[in-house]
Amino acid sequence: MSGMAKQYDVLFRLLMLGDSGVGKTSMLRRFTDSEFESSYISTIGVDFKMKTLEIDGVKVRVQIWDTAGQERYKTITKQYYRRAQGIIFVYDITDESTFQHISKWVGDVDEFTPNQVQRVLVGNKSDEQPNRQVSLELGVKLANSYGMDFFETSASSNRNINESFTRVVELVLQAHKSDIDSLIGSLDEYLDRAALGGEPPSPQLDSSSQRTCAC
């Protein structure tokens, strides 16, 4: 293998969906920056952060889009649906209305995203047990009805944050395994030939000499 180190093998885009105030930004900050602040200004439109994970020997660069939950930004948010390989639906266990609205978010995704998009359901703010309005059992039941994995998380106490994000990345990897194996093989061949001074193949690499999975 050549000395041209790969920063990552594939790039995935994840999308966080849920009502305003459920803690999507807090979850994302905890996952990407290991930070938590008790108060945030509501996201306007969309924002994103990046993180690199290594799963089963594959270096995955994850671009995570944090979307506004307010109705007035819904049109903007939908523009990002088709570009996502993974969706994280988030509700607040202390606010039953955010749980009830998950069906609306799922309906939007069914309408606007590819069939292969992977999904998990998250009930956030599990540290606020005295204020709980949605039971664990209801969360599990809803996730099962949609065929999703389920996590109760807390950005404040860092409960299940890494686990929930990592799981959706694992699901995307599994769904696109054959495509990813082919892309990584092409990239390795490209780097090896380039190091030997030969004519490298053209695996449609991006500007960072890595490959974006547009599966």
Protein backbone atom coordinates (compact mmCIF):
# COMPACT_ATOMS: atom_id res chain seq x y z
CA MET A 1 0.00 0.00 0.00
CA SER A 2 1.31 3.47 -0.79
CA GLY A 3 2.23 6.18 1.69
CA MET A 4 -0.67 8.32 0.52
CA ALA A 5 -2.79 8.05 3.63
CA LYS A 6 -6.55 8.04 3.28
CA GLN A 7 -8.40 10.46 5.52
CA TYR A 8 -11.59 8.46 5.04
CA ASP A 9 -13.01 5.80 2.72
CA VAL A 10 -16.60 7.00 2.30
CA LEU A 11 -18.72 9.99 3.16
CA PHE A 12 -22.25 9.54 4.49
CA ARG A 13 -24.89 12.20 5.07
CA LEU A 14 -27.18 11.85 8.06
CA LEU A 15 -30.23 13.99 8.78
CA MET A 16 -31.72 14.73 12.21
CA LEU A 17 -35.47 15.31 12.20
CA GLY A 18 -37.92 16.21 14.95
CA ASP A 19 -39.82 19.11 16.47
CA SER A 20 -38.10 22.24 17.67
CA GLY A 21 -36.72 21.94 21.21
CA VAL A 22 -36.31 18.14 21.35
CA GLY A 23 -32.53 18.50 21.69
CA LYS A 24 -31.20 17.70 18.22
CA THR A 25 -28.50 20.38 18.40
CA SER A 26 -27.47 19.31 21.90
CA MET A 27 -27.18 15.69 20.76
CA LEU A 28 -25.09 16.69 17.76
CA ARG A 29 -22.76 18.91 19.81
CA ARG A 30 -22.29 16.14 22.35
CA PHE A 31 -21.48 13.60 19.63
CA THR A 32 -19.13 15.69 17.49
CA ASP A 33 -17.52 18.03 20.04
CA SER A 34 -18.11 16.26 23.39
CA GLU A 35 -19.77 19.46 24.58
CA PHE A 36 -23.09 20.24 26.24
CA GLU A 37 -24.75 23.54 27.04
CA SER A 38 -28.08 23.68 28.83
CA SER A 39 -29.46 26.39 26.52
CA TYR A 40 -29.26 26.77 22.76
CA ILE A 41 -30.80 29.13 20.27
CA SER A 42 -33.16 27.25 17.98
CA THR A 43 -31.59 26.16 14.70
CA ILE A 44 -32.50 28.39 11.78
CA GLY A 45 -32.95 26.40 8.58
CA VAL A 46 -30.18 23.78 8.66
CA ASP A 47 -26.71 23.43 10.13
CA PHE A 48 -24.23 20.57 10.00
CA LYS A 49 -21.19 19.07 11.69
CA MET A 50 -18.66 16.43 10.68
CA LYS A 51 -17.11 13.46 12.43
CA THR A 52 -14.96 10.53 11.31
CA LEU A 53 -15.65 7.02 12.61
CA GLU A 54 -13.97 3.69 11.92
CA ILE A 55 -16.41 0.80 11.74
CA ASP A 56 -15.38 -2.72 10.72
CA GLY A 57 -12.17 -1.35 9.23
CA VAL A 58 -13.94 1.30 7.14
CA LYS A 59 -13.13 4.97 7.77
CA VAL A 60 -16.44 6.79 7.52
CA ARG A 61 -16.67 10.57 7.34
CA VAL A 62 -20.13 11.50 8.60
CA GLN A 63 -21.80 14.76 7.64
CA ILE A 64 -24.72 15.27 10.03
CA TRP A 65 -27.39 17.82 9.17
CA ASP A 66 -29.23 19.41 12.09
CA THR A 67 -32.58 20.69 10.88
CA ALA A 68 -34.97 23.28 12.26
CA GLY A 69 -38.15 21.77 13.63
CA GLN A 70 -40.33 24.82 13.08
CA GLU A 71 -43.02 24.59 10.43
CA ARG A 72 -41.80 27.72 8.63
CA TYR A 73 -38.50 25.97 7.76
CA LYS A 74 -40.13 22.78 6.50
CA THR A 75 -39.63 23.58 2.82
CA ILE A 76 -35.91 24.22 3.39
CA THR A 77 -35.53 21.00 5.35
CA LYS A 78 -37.15 18.86 2.67
CA GLN A 79 -34.50 19.92 0.17
CA TYR A 80 -32.01 17.82 2.16
CA TYR A 81 -34.09 14.65 2.41
CA ARG A 82 -33.02 13.10 -0.88
CA ARG A 83 -29.32 13.55 -0.10
CA ALA A 84 -29.40 11.59 3.16
CA GLN A 85 -28.35 7.96 3.59
CA GLY A 86 -29.46 7.89 7.24
CA ILE A 87 -32.20 9.56 9.31
CA ILE A 88 -32.35 10.07 13.08
CA PHE A 89 -35.87 10.86 14.28
CA VAL A 90 -35.85 12.62 17.65
CA TYR A 91 -38.59 13.34 20.18
CA ASP A 92 -38.51 14.65 23.74
CA ILE A 93 -39.65 12.14 26.38
CA THR A 94 -40.95 15.07 28.49
CA ASP A 95 -43.19 16.39 25.70
CA GLU A 96 -45.83 13.99 24.41
CA SER A 97 -46.69 16.18 21.41
CA THR A 98 -43.17 15.75 19.99
CA PHE A 99 -43.67 11.98 20.21
CA GLN A 100 -47.02 12.18 18.45
CA HIS A 101 -45.47 14.25 15.65
CA ILE A 102 -42.94 11.53 14.77
CA SER A 103 -45.52 10.02 12.41
CA LYS A 104 -45.56 13.32 10.50
CA TRP A 105 -41.78 13.33 10.15
CA VAL A 106 -41.76 9.70 9.06
CA GLY A 107 -44.45 10.45 6.48
CA ASP A 108 -42.33 13.26 5.04
CA VAL A 109 -39.31 10.97 4.79
CA ASP A 110 -41.38 8.25 3.10
CA GLU A 111 -42.44 10.80 0.51
CA PHE A 112 -39.15 12.54 -0.19
CA THR A 113 -36.25 10.10 0.47
CA PRO A 114 -34.89 7.03 -1.37
CA ASN A 115 -36.10 3.60 -0.27
CA GLN A 116 -32.66 2.63 1.02
CA VAL A 117 -32.41 5.38 3.64
CA GLN A 118 -31.68 3.90 7.08
CA ARG A 119 -33.53 5.12 10.17
CA VAL A 120 -33.39 5.07 13.96
CA LEU A 121 -35.77 6.52 16.54
CA VAL A 122 -34.48 8.43 19.56
CA GLY A 123 -36.28 9.57 22.69
CA ASN A 124 -34.09 12.35 24.08
CA LYS A 125 -33.80 13.98 27.55
CA SER A 126 -33.93 10.66 29.41
CA ASP A 127 -32.21 12.36 32.35
CA GLU A 128 -35.43 14.28 33.09
CA GLN A 129 -37.32 11.34 34.57
CA PRO A 130 -39.62 13.36 36.88
CA ASN A 131 -41.01 15.16 33.82
CA ARG A 132 -41.41 12.08 31.63
CA GLN A 133 -44.58 12.01 29.51
CA VAL A 134 -43.65 9.21 27.08
CA SER A 135 -42.86 5.79 28.52
CA LEU A 136 -39.97 3.63 27.36
CA GLU A 137 -42.50 1.01 26.31
CA LEU A 138 -44.31 3.45 24.00
CA GLY A 139 -41.02 4.43 22.39
CA VAL A 140 -40.10 0.80 21.77
CA LYS A 141 -43.57 0.07 20.38
CA LEU A 142 -43.44 2.98 17.93
CA ALA A 143 -39.94 2.05 16.76
CA ASN A 144 -41.02 -1.55 16.22
CA SER A 145 -44.04 -0.42 14.20
CA TYR A 146 -41.67 1.33 11.78
CA GLY A 147 -38.99 -1.36 11.88
CA MET A 148 -36.46 1.00 13.48
CA ASP A 149 -33.83 0.58 16.17
CA PHE A 150 -34.66 2.61 19.28
CA PHE A 151 -32.58 4.51 21.84
CA GLU A 152 -33.39 6.69 24.80
CA THR A 153 -30.66 9.31 25.04
CA SER A 154 -29.51 12.22 27.14
CA ALA A 155 -27.20 14.86 25.72
CA SER A 156 -26.79 16.20 29.25
CA SER A 157 -25.51 12.94 30.77
CA ASN A 158 -24.12 11.61 27.44
CA ARG A 159 -26.33 8.53 27.61
CA ASN A 160 -26.53 6.53 24.36
CA ILE A 161 -25.40 9.47 22.22
CA ASN A 162 -22.46 7.69 20.58
CA GLU A 163 -24.46 4.48 20.41
CA SER A 164 -27.39 5.99 18.50
CA PHE A 165 -25.28 7.86 15.94
CA THR A 166 -22.94 4.92 15.47
CA ARG A 167 -25.84 2.55 14.96
CA VAL A 168 -27.32 4.49 12.07
CA VAL A 169 -23.88 4.63 10.43
CA GLU A 170 -23.58 0.84 10.85
CA LEU A 171 -26.97 0.39 9.19
CA VAL A 172 -25.93 2.54 6.23
CA LEU A 173 -22.70 0.56 5.87
CA GLN A 174 -24.64 -2.71 5.90
CA ALA A 175 -27.16 -1.45 3.36
CA HIS A 176 -24.47 -0.35 0.90
CA LYS A 177 -21.77 -2.93 1.66
CA SER A 178 -21.25 -4.11 -1.93
CA ASP A 179 -21.04 -0.54 -3.24
CA ILE A 180 -18.60 0.46 -0.49
CA ASP A 181 -16.35 -2.57 -1.00
CA SER A 182 -16.12 -1.69 -4.69
CA LEU A 183 -15.33 1.95 -3.97
CA ILE A 184 -12.63 1.13 -1.43
CA GLY A 185 -11.06 -1.39 -3.80
CA SER A 186 -10.95 1.22 -6.56
CA LEU A 187 -9.41 3.79 -4.24
CA ASP A 188 -6.71 1.39 -3.01
CA GLU A 189 -5.80 0.55 -6.60
CA TYR A 190 -5.67 4.26 -7.43
CA LEU A 191 -3.26 5.01 -4.58
CA ASP A 192 -1.04 2.00 -5.29
CA ARG A 193 -0.64 2.83 -8.98
CA ALA A 194 -0.04 6.50 -8.24
CA ALA A 195 2.71 5.61 -5.76
CA LEU A 196 4.44 3.40 -8.36
CA GLY A 197 4.28 6.16 -10.96
CA GLY A 198 1.85 4.25 -13.14
CA GLU A 199 -1.30 5.45 -14.84
CA PRO A 200 -4.00 5.28 -12.17
CA PRO A 201 -7.58 4.29 -12.96
CA SER A 202 -10.26 6.92 -12.57
CA PRO A 203 -12.65 5.88 -9.78
CA GLN A 204 -14.35 9.30 -9.74
CA LEU A 205 -12.65 10.55 -6.61
CA ASP A 206 -13.57 13.80 -5.02
CA SER A 207 -11.19 16.65 -4.35
CA SER A 208 -9.91 15.06 -1.13
CA SER A 209 -8.94 11.82 -2.92
CA GLN A 210 -11.78 10.13 -1.08
CA ARG A 211 -15.06 8.81 -2.38
CA THR A 212 -18.52 10.03 -1.50
CA CYS A 213 -21.09 7.27 -1.33
CA ALA A 214 -23.99 8.52 -3.42
CA CYS A 215 -25.88 5.26 -3.09
